[in-house]
Amino acid sequence: MSDNSEPPRVDAQVDVQVPFPRDPQPGDDRKPRDRVTVTRHAVRVGGQELRYTVTAGTLVLGEESLDKDGKSEGCKPRAEMFFTAYALDGAEGEPHDPRQRPLTFSFNGGPGSSSVWLHLGLLGPRRVVMGDAEALTGPPYDLTDNEYTLLTHSDLVFIDPVSTGYSRAAEGEKPGDFHGFQADVESVGDFIRLWTSRAGRWLSPKFLIGESYGTLRAAALSGYLQERHGLFLNGVMLVSSILDYATVDTSPGHDLAYVLHLPTYAATAWYHGLLGERPLADVLRQAEAFADGDYALALHRGRRLSDEERQSVATRYAALTGLSADYVLRCDLRVPLHRFRKELLRGQGLTVGRLDTRFIGLDRDHAGEDTEYDPSMSAIMGPYTAAMNHYVRAELGYASDLPYEVLTGRVRPWSFREFENQHVRVSDTLREAMHQNPHLKVYVGSGYFDAATPYHATRHTFDHLQLAPSLRGNIREMFYESGHMMYVHLPSLALQKQHLAEFIEWAKG
């Protein structure tokens, strides 16, 4: 804990709806109930003390149901969803005017991820201490005050989708009913509607922020919230975006992803010292021009390329990515990500990460074709898991004997039945939401060393959004010298906080 943090003042855990009152309902004594704690804290940001209130716990999500004869059975509990909500205190400890104070709902992705990464990495007033690539702290881990918290500009609500964190299906309900694209959008969207109503925040400027699969969820929610609940947003913030799965599909016959991954390969080679002393900006400019030009054309032409042309393309590819031209030729000019991660530093007996290619790993088999693990995932899993399990009990006063599911496989198989026989794609949902709500603004943040959601793939998606020309200025794209969780790199964390704060001020109206 940093020296400038105040010990948390934890109210007694309660079993009533302290921040979310509602009228009693028949049969309440037999139904699951909201269980929350309220604690008050302080943090210093930029030399100024910020006092804030945290509400953490489970909110029961219900659904109106009918019996087989079409008669109402009332509201049936379906899930107990865990959340952590932060509200900045105003003068004399009173809340701010909800008409003026922005509100941001946050979640991560997976599918199967809790909200812990954005919560304790980027946005919340406390953050994980773990070091960075080549300088990890190692266990045991710690928390410190987050001098870059977005609480300075917005109240925050972190949502754990069903089966992640402490969120679970209600007794008698099937968890699998929530484990799919549309069911997930509906449950998270319905939680947002209910929380907004209970907290009296319908007139607040409202934002979503999602990371990874959470960006796909956020884009889908921009449409669902408008169409189902009439809840129009001021802004959507997308961190490490994936709105169109075609941009990462490397199955036979799909060449687009190879084009869009190449600049990330070049950035990775540069970071690991394989491209000389050229500035990163120059490397990226050359890689993007080659990828979008001669390389894309070569893949399109296929067997129509002459041997001389193939050799020329392989040589240029190798010069930009740190691989050998012979290896590129043996891959038929198409180097999939798993091979690149294994091959780039093979001579040193090392592999590179997927979420963040700055991180390096050690495999048992140096001659293999695939990596044994993602060193960037291994680097972050321990610190964030330890920090969240400590934080929720010791500082927020919320106790549960359930495992806090940081990143779980229990949501699989994940259903994409809405996209049967087609790529998963929600970019058009976002476009439609922006057309229907021309005040909706979008922030897009990408890391140059993110191989899971490559920055050039994200750029491709937004370049093909087919947005009305009058609305193109509603999108801000930002790039960082870091990976998927760009906030583990402190200079990127500071820069991203600045960008997000400026975005909220611009979009809140």
Protein backbone atom coordinates (compact mmCIF):
# COMPACT_ATOMS: atom_id res chain seq x y z
CA MET A 1 0.00 0.00 0.00
CA SER A 2 1.40 3.41 -0.87
CA ASP A 3 2.24 5.87 1.90
CA ASN A 4 -0.41 8.36 0.78
CA SER A 5 -3.35 5.97 0.94
CA GLU A 6 -5.82 6.17 3.81
CA PRO A 7 -6.74 2.91 5.55
CA PRO A 8 -10.17 1.89 4.31
CA ARG A 9 -13.12 2.69 6.51
CA VAL A 10 -15.25 -0.40 6.07
CA ASP A 11 -18.93 -0.31 6.97
CA ALA A 12 -20.45 -3.50 8.34
CA GLN A 13 -21.44 -5.96 5.65
CA VAL A 14 -25.18 -5.73 5.07
CA ASP A 15 -27.77 -7.99 3.55
CA VAL A 16 -30.11 -5.29 2.29
CA GLN A 17 -30.15 -3.06 -0.75
CA VAL A 18 -28.43 -0.04 0.74
CA PRO A 19 -27.71 1.80 -2.52
CA PHE A 20 -30.53 0.24 -4.54
CA PRO A 21 -33.86 0.50 -2.66
CA ARG A 22 -36.98 -0.97 -4.21
CA ASP A 23 -40.50 -1.81 -3.11
CA PRO A 24 -40.93 -5.18 -1.36
CA GLN A 25 -42.20 -7.93 -3.60
CA PRO A 26 -44.33 -10.98 -2.73
CA GLY A 27 -42.16 -13.98 -1.93
CA ASP A 28 -39.02 -11.92 -1.30
CA ASP A 29 -38.21 -14.08 1.70
CA ARG A 30 -37.80 -17.07 -0.61
CA LYS A 31 -35.74 -15.35 -3.32
CA PRO A 32 -32.04 -14.53 -3.58
CA ARG A 33 -31.33 -11.02 -2.36
CA ASP A 34 -28.80 -8.37 -3.25
CA ARG A 35 -25.80 -8.55 -0.92
CA VAL A 36 -23.55 -5.52 -0.87
CA THR A 37 -20.99 -3.70 1.24
CA VAL A 38 -20.35 0.03 1.30
CA THR A 39 -16.90 1.39 2.15
CA ARG A 40 -15.36 4.84 2.04
CA HIS A 41 -11.82 5.63 0.97
CA ALA A 42 -9.44 8.35 -0.15
CA VAL A 43 -6.69 8.57 -2.76
CA ARG A 44 -4.31 11.35 -3.77
CA VAL A 45 -4.13 12.19 -7.46
CA GLY A 46 -1.97 15.05 -8.70
CA GLY A 47 -1.51 16.34 -5.17
CA GLN A 48 -5.26 16.45 -4.54
CA GLU A 49 -7.18 14.15 -2.20
CA LEU A 50 -10.17 12.41 -3.74
CA ARG A 51 -12.72 10.88 -1.38
CA TYR A 52 -14.95 8.20 -2.79
CA THR A 53 -17.52 5.57 -1.87
CA VAL A 54 -17.35 1.96 -3.06
CA THR A 55 -20.35 -0.35 -3.31
CA ALA A 56 -19.37 -3.98 -3.94
CA GLY A 57 -21.56 -7.04 -4.09
CA THR A 58 -24.15 -8.99 -6.02
CA LEU A 59 -27.23 -7.61 -7.72
CA VAL A 60 -30.01 -10.08 -8.50
CA LEU A 61 -30.94 -10.00 -12.16
CA GLY A 62 -34.53 -11.06 -12.77
CA GLU A 63 -36.73 -11.72 -15.78
CA GLU A 64 -40.46 -11.47 -16.18
CA SER A 65 -41.78 -14.97 -16.87
CA LEU A 66 -45.02 -16.59 -18.04
CA ASP A 67 -46.38 -20.04 -17.28
CA LYS A 68 -47.43 -22.51 -19.96
CA ASP A 69 -50.84 -20.87 -20.15
CA GLY A 70 -49.34 -17.45 -20.75
CA LYS A 71 -50.08 -16.16 -17.25
CA SER A 72 -47.57 -13.97 -15.47
CA GLU A 73 -45.39 -15.63 -12.84
CA GLY A 74 -43.81 -12.35 -11.80
CA CYS A 75 -40.11 -11.64 -11.89
CA LYS A 76 -38.00 -14.77 -11.72
CA PRO A 77 -34.39 -14.49 -10.45
CA ARG A 78 -31.97 -15.59 -13.15
CA ALA A 79 -28.51 -14.54 -11.98
CA GLU A 80 -26.60 -12.90 -9.16
CA MET A 81 -24.12 -10.54 -10.81
CA PHE A 82 -21.11 -9.19 -8.95
CA PHE A 83 -20.11 -5.57 -9.42
CA THR A 84 -17.86 -2.95 -7.87
CA ALA A 85 -19.10 0.64 -8.14
CA TYR A 86 -17.09 3.78 -7.37
CA ALA A 87 -18.70 7.18 -6.75
CA LEU A 88 -16.63 10.29 -6.14
CA ASP A 89 -17.82 12.13 -3.05
CA GLY A 90 -18.77 15.77 -3.39
CA ALA A 91 -18.61 18.54 -0.84
CA GLU A 92 -19.32 17.40 2.71
CA GLY A 93 -19.36 13.80 1.49
CA GLU A 94 -22.52 14.29 -0.54
CA PRO A 95 -22.79 12.74 -4.02
CA HIS A 96 -22.23 14.82 -7.12
CA ASP A 97 -25.10 16.04 -9.28
CA PRO A 98 -25.92 12.97 -11.42
CA ARG A 99 -26.84 15.22 -14.35
CA GLN A 100 -23.26 16.45 -14.50
CA ARG A 101 -21.21 13.51 -13.27
CA PRO A 102 -20.34 10.95 -16.00
CA LEU A 103 -20.85 7.23 -15.35
CA THR A 104 -18.78 4.49 -16.98
CA PHE A 105 -19.63 0.78 -17.06
CA SER A 106 -16.56 -1.42 -17.49
CA PHE A 107 -15.93 -5.06 -18.36
CA ASN A 108 -13.23 -7.22 -19.87
CA GLY A 109 -13.54 -10.04 -22.36
CA GLY A 110 -12.42 -13.62 -22.73
CA PRO A 111 -15.14 -14.83 -23.06
CA GLY A 112 -14.76 -15.94 -19.48
CA SER A 113 -12.88 -12.96 -18.05
CA SER A 114 -13.88 -10.97 -15.00
CA SER A 115 -13.51 -7.19 -14.97
CA VAL A 116 -10.33 -7.31 -12.87
CA TRP A 117 -7.91 -6.18 -15.59
CA LEU A 118 -9.44 -2.79 -16.34
CA HIS A 119 -10.46 -2.49 -12.68
CA LEU A 120 -7.05 -2.92 -11.05
CA GLY A 121 -4.89 -2.12 -14.06
CA LEU A 122 -6.24 1.02 -15.67
CA LEU A 123 -9.36 2.66 -14.27
CA GLY A 124 -9.87 2.11 -10.55
CA PRO A 125 -8.27 4.08 -7.70
CA ARG A 126 -6.12 1.08 -6.73
CA ARG A 127 -3.81 -0.77 -9.12
CA VAL A 128 -1.64 -3.86 -9.18
CA VAL A 129 2.11 -3.65 -8.63
CA MET A 130 3.73 -6.21 -10.95
CA GLY A 131 6.49 -4.48 -12.89
CA ASP A 132 6.68 -4.83 -16.66
CA ALA A 133 8.37 -6.86 -19.36
CA GLU A 134 11.94 -7.75 -18.34
CA ALA A 135 11.34 -6.28 -14.85
CA LEU A 136 8.60 -8.32 -13.17
CA THR A 137 8.34 -8.05 -9.39
CA GLY A 138 7.53 -11.70 -8.62
CA PRO A 139 5.36 -12.98 -5.76
CA PRO A 140 4.14 -11.94 -3.29
CA TYR A 141 2.41 -9.07 -5.08
CA ASP A 142 0.94 -5.80 -3.91
CA LEU A 143 -1.50 -2.97 -4.58
CA THR A 144 -0.84 0.76 -4.65
CA ASP A 145 -2.86 3.90 -5.21
CA ASN A 146 -3.53 4.51 -8.89
CA GLU A 147 -2.47 8.06 -9.63
CA TYR A 148 -3.96 7.60 -13.11
CA THR A 149 -7.46 6.55 -12.04
CA LEU A 150 -10.32 7.64 -14.28
CA LEU A 151 -12.40 8.33 -11.16
CA THR A 152 -11.20 11.91 -11.55
CA HIS A 153 -13.52 12.24 -14.56
CA SER A 154 -16.20 9.56 -14.15
CA ASP A 155 -17.90 7.33 -11.62
CA LEU A 156 -17.12 3.70 -12.40
CA VAL A 157 -19.05 0.40 -12.33
CA PHE A 158 -17.13 -2.83 -12.97
CA ILE A 159 -19.31 -5.73 -14.10
CA ASP A 160 -18.45 -9.43 -13.93
CA PRO A 161 -20.54 -11.40 -16.47
CA VAL A 162 -22.24 -14.59 -15.30
CA SER A 163 -19.76 -17.34 -14.28
CA THR A 164 -16.89 -14.83 -13.94
CA GLY A 165 -15.75 -13.16 -10.74
CA TYR A 166 -18.39 -13.90 -8.10
CA SER A 167 -21.25 -13.78 -10.62
CA ARG A 168 -23.32 -16.95 -10.86
CA ALA A 169 -26.56 -18.20 -12.35
CA ALA A 170 -29.39 -18.21 -9.80
CA GLU A 171 -30.35 -21.45 -8.10
CA GLY A 172 -32.20 -23.67 -10.55
CA GLU A 173 -30.92 -21.78 -13.61
CA LYS A 174 -28.49 -23.19 -16.17
CA PRO A 175 -25.17 -21.31 -16.36
CA GLY A 176 -24.88 -22.34 -20.00
CA ASP A 177 -27.92 -20.23 -20.82
CA PHE A 178 -25.68 -17.16 -20.29
CA HIS A 179 -22.65 -18.49 -22.17
CA GLY A 180 -23.17 -17.12 -25.64
CA PHE A 181 -22.98 -13.92 -27.64
CA GLN A 182 -26.57 -12.72 -27.47
CA ALA A 183 -27.33 -14.08 -23.99
CA ASP A 184 -24.22 -12.33 -22.66
CA VAL A 185 -25.16 -9.02 -24.28
CA GLU A 186 -28.67 -9.25 -22.85
CA SER A 187 -27.59 -10.10 -19.29
CA VAL A 188 -24.94 -7.37 -19.15
CA GLY A 189 -27.26 -4.88 -20.83
CA ASP A 190 -30.11 -5.71 -18.45
CA PHE A 191 -27.73 -5.30 -15.49
CA ILE A 192 -26.76 -1.85 -16.78
CA ARG A 193 -30.43 -0.88 -17.11
CA LEU A 194 -31.26 -2.12 -13.61
CA TRP A 195 -28.20 -0.56 -11.95
CA THR A 196 -28.89 2.78 -13.66
CA SER A 197 -32.49 2.74 -12.42
CA ARG A 198 -31.64 1.72 -8.85
CA ALA A 199 -28.87 4.31 -8.57
CA GLY A 200 -30.95 7.11 -10.13
CA ARG A 201 -28.45 7.74 -12.95
CA TRP A 202 -30.65 7.89 -16.05
CA LEU A 203 -29.78 11.56 -16.58
CA SER A 204 -26.03 11.07 -16.17
CA PRO A 205 -23.68 11.12 -19.19
CA LYS A 206 -23.13 7.39 -19.75
CA PHE A 207 -20.17 5.48 -21.19
CA LEU A 208 -19.07 1.89 -21.79
CA ILE A 209 -15.48 0.68 -21.75
CA GLY A 210 -14.53 -2.84 -22.79
CA GLU A 211 -11.30 -4.67 -23.49
CA SER A 212 -10.65 -7.47 -26.00
CA TYR A 213 -13.86 -9.55 -26.31
CA GLY A 214 -15.28 -6.80 -24.13
CA THR A 215 -14.99 -4.46 -27.13
CA LEU A 216 -17.21 -6.82 -29.12
CA ARG A 217 -19.64 -6.83 -26.17
CA ALA A 218 -19.51 -3.02 -25.92
CA ALA A 219 -20.24 -2.52 -29.62
CA ALA A 220 -23.16 -4.96 -29.40
CA LEU A 221 -24.43 -3.23 -26.26
CA SER A 222 -24.43 0.14 -28.00
CA GLY A 223 -27.22 -1.25 -30.14
CA TYR A 224 -28.97 -3.41 -27.54
CA LEU A 225 -29.22 -0.67 -24.93
CA GLN A 226 -30.71 1.73 -27.45
CA GLU A 227 -33.16 -0.70 -28.99
CA ARG A 228 -34.27 -2.68 -25.91
CA HIS A 229 -34.10 -0.10 -23.13
CA GLY A 230 -33.96 3.28 -24.90
CA LEU A 231 -30.66 3.91 -23.12
CA PHE A 232 -28.53 6.11 -25.37
CA LEU A 233 -24.83 6.44 -24.63
CA ASN A 234 -22.48 9.39 -24.81
CA GLY A 235 -19.47 7.27 -25.59
CA VAL A 236 -17.98 3.83 -26.08
CA MET A 237 -14.32 3.22 -25.22
CA LEU A 238 -12.68 0.23 -26.88
CA VAL A 239 -9.37 -1.10 -25.55
CA SER A 240 -7.60 -3.70 -27.74
CA SER A 241 -10.47 -4.15 -30.16
CA ILE A 242 -11.88 -7.14 -31.99
CA LEU A 243 -15.13 -6.27 -33.76
CA ASP A 244 -14.70 -8.54 -36.78
CA TYR A 245 -13.26 -12.04 -36.44
CA ALA A 246 -12.41 -12.12 -40.16
CA THR A 247 -9.44 -9.88 -39.35
CA VAL A 248 -7.75 -12.66 -37.30
CA ASP A 249 -8.87 -15.76 -39.23
CA THR A 250 -5.83 -17.56 -40.70
CA SER A 251 -7.61 -20.71 -41.80
CA PRO A 252 -6.80 -21.81 -45.38
CA GLY A 253 -8.21 -19.45 -47.96
CA HIS A 254 -8.26 -16.43 -45.63
CA ASP A 255 -5.31 -14.14 -46.34
CA LEU A 256 -6.52 -10.87 -44.77
CA ALA A 257 -5.23 -11.68 -41.28
CA TYR A 258 -1.69 -12.27 -42.57
CA VAL A 259 -1.69 -8.76 -44.01
CA LEU A 260 -3.04 -7.24 -40.80
CA HIS A 261 -0.62 -9.09 -38.48
CA LEU A 262 2.54 -8.11 -40.35
CA PRO A 263 3.01 -4.63 -38.78
CA THR A 264 2.75 -6.20 -35.30
CA TYR A 265 5.41 -8.75 -36.30
CA ALA A 266 7.62 -5.85 -37.38
CA ALA A 267 7.05 -3.97 -34.12
CA THR A 268 7.96 -7.12 -32.19
CA ALA A 269 11.16 -7.66 -34.15
CA TRP A 270 12.09 -4.03 -33.54
CA TYR A 271 11.48 -4.34 -29.80
CA HIS A 272 13.72 -7.40 -29.54
CA GLY A 273 16.58 -5.65 -31.34
CA LEU A 274 16.41 -7.47 -34.68
CA LEU A 275 15.90 -4.44 -36.93
CA GLY A 276 18.84 -2.24 -36.04
CA GLU A 277 18.57 1.31 -34.77
CA ARG A 278 15.63 2.53 -36.86
CA PRO A 279 12.91 4.39 -34.94
CA LEU A 280 9.75 2.39 -34.34
CA ALA A 281 7.68 4.91 -36.28
CA ASP A 282 9.81 4.32 -39.38
CA VAL A 283 9.54 0.54 -39.04
CA LEU A 284 5.76 0.70 -38.69
CA ARG A 285 5.39 3.04 -41.65
CA GLN A 286 7.41 0.71 -43.88
CA ALA A 287 5.63 -2.40 -42.61
CA GLU A 288 2.16 -0.93 -43.12
CA ALA A 289 3.02 0.23 -46.64
CA PHE A 290 4.41 -3.18 -47.59
CA ALA A 291 1.53 -5.06 -45.94
CA ASP A 292 -1.18 -3.00 -47.64
CA GLY A 293 0.67 -2.89 -50.96
CA ASP A 294 3.02 -5.46 -52.47
CA TYR A 295 2.43 -8.11 -49.79
CA ALA A 296 -1.37 -8.00 -50.06
CA LEU A 297 -1.09 -8.11 -53.84
CA ALA A 298 1.28 -11.10 -53.70
CA LEU A 299 -1.13 -13.09 -51.52
CA HIS A 300 -3.98 -12.20 -53.83
CA ARG A 301 -2.08 -13.39 -56.89
CA GLY A 302 -1.14 -16.74 -55.34
CA ARG A 303 0.36 -19.18 -57.88
CA ARG A 304 0.48 -16.45 -60.52
CA LEU A 305 3.60 -15.08 -58.78
CA SER A 306 6.85 -15.92 -60.49
CA ASP A 307 9.68 -17.48 -58.49
CA GLU A 308 11.56 -14.20 -58.66
CA GLU A 309 8.56 -12.27 -57.32
CA ARG A 310 8.04 -14.75 -54.50
CA GLN A 311 11.69 -14.48 -53.50
CA SER A 312 11.50 -10.68 -53.55
CA VAL A 313 8.41 -10.62 -51.35
CA ALA A 314 9.95 -13.15 -48.93
CA THR A 315 13.14 -11.10 -48.68
CA ARG A 316 11.26 -7.89 -47.88
CA TYR A 317 9.00 -9.72 -45.40
CA ALA A 318 12.06 -11.14 -43.64
CA ALA A 319 13.78 -7.77 -43.46
CA LEU A 320 10.75 -6.30 -41.69
CA THR A 321 9.97 -9.16 -39.31
CA GLY A 322 13.33 -10.58 -38.22
CA LEU A 323 12.62 -13.98 -39.77
CA SER A 324 14.69 -15.61 -42.49
CA ALA A 325 13.53 -15.41 -46.10
CA ASP A 326 13.88 -19.20 -46.35
CA TYR A 327 11.47 -19.65 -43.42
CA VAL A 328 8.97 -17.23 -44.98
CA LEU A 329 9.11 -19.14 -48.26
CA ARG A 330 8.60 -22.46 -46.47
CA CYS A 331 5.47 -20.93 -44.91
CA ASP A 332 4.25 -19.99 -48.42
CA LEU A 333 4.60 -16.30 -47.48
CA ARG A 334 1.99 -16.84 -44.75
CA VAL A 335 3.45 -17.04 -41.24
CA PRO A 336 0.70 -17.74 -38.68
CA LEU A 337 1.00 -16.18 -35.26
CA HIS A 338 1.87 -19.38 -33.37
CA ARG A 339 4.80 -20.00 -35.71
CA PHE A 340 6.03 -16.42 -35.52
CA ARG A 341 6.02 -16.48 -31.71
CA LYS A 342 8.11 -19.65 -31.73
CA GLU A 343 10.46 -18.79 -34.57
CA LEU A 344 11.46 -15.17 -33.94
CA LEU A 345 13.86 -15.85 -31.03
CA ARG A 346 14.35 -19.58 -31.61
CA GLY A 347 18.10 -19.09 -31.89
CA GLN A 348 18.12 -17.76 -28.31
CA GLY A 349 15.88 -20.55 -27.03
CA LEU A 350 13.09 -18.03 -26.32
CA THR A 351 9.49 -17.41 -27.36
CA VAL A 352 7.46 -14.19 -27.41
CA GLY A 353 4.04 -13.48 -25.95
CA ARG A 354 0.66 -13.33 -27.64
CA LEU A 355 -1.10 -10.69 -25.55
CA ASP A 356 2.13 -8.70 -25.38
CA THR A 357 5.04 -9.67 -27.60
CA ARG A 358 7.50 -7.75 -25.42
CA PHE A 359 7.36 -10.63 -22.91
CA ILE A 360 9.61 -13.66 -23.49
CA GLY A 361 9.15 -17.29 -22.46
CA LEU A 362 11.06 -20.55 -22.16
CA ASP A 363 9.89 -23.80 -23.78
CA ARG A 364 11.15 -27.30 -23.14
CA ASP A 365 11.26 -28.12 -26.86
CA HIS A 366 13.25 -25.55 -28.84
CA ALA A 367 12.60 -27.40 -32.11
CA GLY A 368 8.80 -27.38 -31.82
CA GLU A 369 6.40 -25.44 -34.00
CA ASP A 370 4.18 -24.00 -31.28
CA THR A 371 4.79 -22.29 -27.94
CA GLU A 372 3.93 -24.10 -24.71
CA TYR A 373 2.35 -21.05 -23.05
CA ASP A 374 1.87 -17.30 -23.38
CA PRO A 375 4.51 -15.62 -21.20
CA SER A 376 2.56 -12.37 -21.16
CA MET A 377 -0.52 -14.12 -19.74
CA SER A 378 1.61 -15.93 -17.16
CA ALA A 379 3.13 -12.60 -16.11
CA ILE A 380 -0.19 -10.95 -15.32
CA MET A 381 -2.33 -13.81 -14.00
CA GLY A 382 -0.64 -14.18 -10.61
CA PRO A 383 -0.46 -10.50 -9.65
CA TYR A 384 -4.04 -9.68 -10.65
CA THR A 385 -5.51 -12.78 -9.02
CA ALA A 386 -3.72 -12.16 -5.72
CA ALA A 387 -4.55 -8.47 -5.73
CA MET A 388 -8.27 -8.93 -6.39
CA ASN A 389 -8.73 -11.68 -3.80
CA HIS A 390 -7.02 -9.50 -1.20
CA TYR A 391 -8.70 -6.26 -2.21
CA VAL A 392 -12.29 -7.41 -2.20
CA ARG A 393 -12.06 -8.79 1.34
CA ALA A 394 -9.48 -6.62 3.08
CA GLU A 395 -10.36 -3.23 1.60
CA LEU A 396 -13.95 -3.56 0.37
CA GLY A 397 -15.18 -5.79 3.19
CA TYR A 398 -16.95 -8.23 0.90
CA ALA A 399 -16.60 -11.89 1.88
CA SER A 400 -17.46 -14.92 -0.23
CA ASP A 401 -16.16 -18.47 -0.15
CA LEU A 402 -16.75 -18.84 -3.87
CA PRO A 403 -13.60 -18.70 -6.00
CA TYR A 404 -13.24 -15.36 -7.71
CA GLU A 405 -13.09 -16.52 -11.33
CA VAL A 406 -10.49 -14.20 -12.86
CA LEU A 407 -10.37 -15.98 -16.23
CA THR A 408 -12.39 -19.17 -16.44
CA GLY A 409 -12.99 -21.90 -18.97
CA ARG A 410 -16.34 -22.69 -17.32
CA VAL A 411 -18.12 -20.54 -19.92
CA ARG A 412 -17.15 -22.92 -22.71
CA PRO A 413 -18.46 -23.93 -25.11
CA TRP A 414 -19.38 -20.34 -25.96
CA SER A 415 -22.25 -20.04 -28.41
CA PHE A 416 -22.08 -17.90 -31.53
CA ARG A 417 -25.21 -19.37 -33.07
CA GLU A 418 -26.29 -15.90 -34.19
CA PHE A 419 -23.35 -15.96 -36.62
CA GLU A 420 -23.73 -19.49 -37.96
CA ASN A 421 -21.79 -19.94 -41.25
CA GLN A 422 -20.32 -16.44 -41.05
CA HIS A 423 -17.60 -14.57 -39.19
CA VAL A 424 -18.52 -12.96 -35.88
CA ARG A 425 -18.89 -9.27 -36.66
CA VAL A 426 -20.44 -6.41 -34.67
CA SER A 427 -18.88 -3.40 -36.37
CA ASP A 428 -22.12 -2.81 -38.25
CA THR A 429 -24.06 -2.75 -34.96
CA LEU A 430 -21.77 0.05 -33.78
CA ARG A 431 -22.23 1.89 -37.08
CA GLU A 432 -26.02 1.63 -36.78
CA ALA A 433 -25.92 2.89 -33.20
CA MET A 434 -23.84 5.89 -34.28
CA HIS A 435 -26.20 6.64 -37.15
CA GLN A 436 -29.22 6.50 -34.85
CA ASN A 437 -27.43 8.46 -32.11
CA PRO A 438 -25.15 10.94 -33.91
CA HIS A 439 -23.91 12.23 -30.54
CA LEU A 440 -22.27 8.85 -29.78
CA LYS A 441 -18.48 9.12 -29.67
CA VAL A 442 -15.98 6.23 -29.87
CA TYR A 443 -12.45 5.93 -28.47
CA VAL A 444 -10.24 3.16 -29.87
CA GLY A 445 -6.98 2.27 -28.07
CA SER A 446 -4.46 -0.21 -29.52
CA GLY A 447 -1.01 -1.47 -28.53
CA TYR A 448 1.68 -1.95 -31.16
CA PHE A 449 2.88 -5.16 -29.45
CA ASP A 450 -0.56 -6.76 -29.14
CA ALA A 451 -0.67 -9.91 -31.29
CA ALA A 452 -4.09 -11.03 -30.00
CA THR A 453 -5.95 -8.03 -31.42
CA PRO A 454 -3.39 -6.44 -33.80
CA TYR A 455 -3.58 -2.68 -34.14
CA HIS A 456 -3.60 -2.81 -37.95
CA ALA A 457 -6.57 -5.19 -37.83
CA THR A 458 -8.45 -2.71 -35.66
CA ARG A 459 -7.58 0.07 -38.05
CA HIS A 460 -8.83 -2.04 -40.96
CA THR A 461 -12.18 -2.57 -39.20
CA PHE A 462 -12.72 1.15 -38.64
CA ASP A 463 -11.52 2.01 -42.14
CA HIS A 464 -14.33 -0.21 -43.42
CA LEU A 465 -17.07 0.89 -41.00
CA GLN A 466 -19.01 2.67 -43.79
CA LEU A 467 -19.87 5.42 -41.36
CA ALA A 468 -21.59 8.52 -42.70
CA PRO A 469 -18.91 11.12 -43.56
CA SER A 470 -20.49 13.59 -41.14
CA LEU A 471 -19.84 11.18 -38.23
CA ARG A 472 -16.27 10.14 -38.98
CA GLY A 473 -15.02 12.81 -36.61
CA ASN A 474 -16.78 11.01 -33.75
CA ILE A 475 -14.00 8.39 -33.63
CA ARG A 476 -10.63 8.88 -31.93
CA GLU A 477 -7.94 6.25 -32.53
CA MET A 478 -4.94 6.12 -30.18
CA PHE A 479 -1.85 3.90 -30.25
CA TYR A 480 0.59 2.87 -27.51
CA GLU A 481 4.06 1.32 -27.31
CA SER A 482 2.75 -1.62 -25.34
CA GLY A 483 0.62 -4.74 -25.70
CA HIS A 484 -2.95 -5.95 -25.16
CA MET A 485 -3.02 -4.68 -21.55
CA MET A 486 -1.20 -1.51 -22.47
CA TYR A 487 -1.54 -0.19 -18.91
CA VAL A 488 1.10 -2.62 -17.53
CA HIS A 489 3.55 -0.26 -19.25
CA LEU A 490 3.52 2.81 -16.99
CA PRO A 491 4.25 5.42 -19.69
CA SER A 492 1.34 4.00 -21.70
CA LEU A 493 -0.86 3.99 -18.58
CA ALA A 494 -0.20 7.69 -18.05
CA LEU A 495 -0.84 8.50 -21.70
CA GLN A 496 -4.00 6.41 -21.86
CA LYS A 497 -5.42 8.10 -18.76
CA GLN A 498 -4.90 11.44 -20.47
CA HIS A 499 -6.60 10.23 -23.64
CA LEU A 500 -9.57 8.71 -21.80
CA ALA A 501 -10.08 11.80 -19.66
CA GLU A 502 -10.00 14.05 -22.72
CA PHE A 503 -12.42 11.72 -24.50
CA ILE A 504 -14.96 11.83 -21.65
CA GLU A 505 -14.77 15.61 -21.44
CA TRP A 506 -15.32 15.81 -25.20
CA ALA A 507 -18.16 13.27 -25.35
CA LYS A 508 -20.17 14.03 -22.23
CA GLY A 509 -21.99 16.94 -23.84
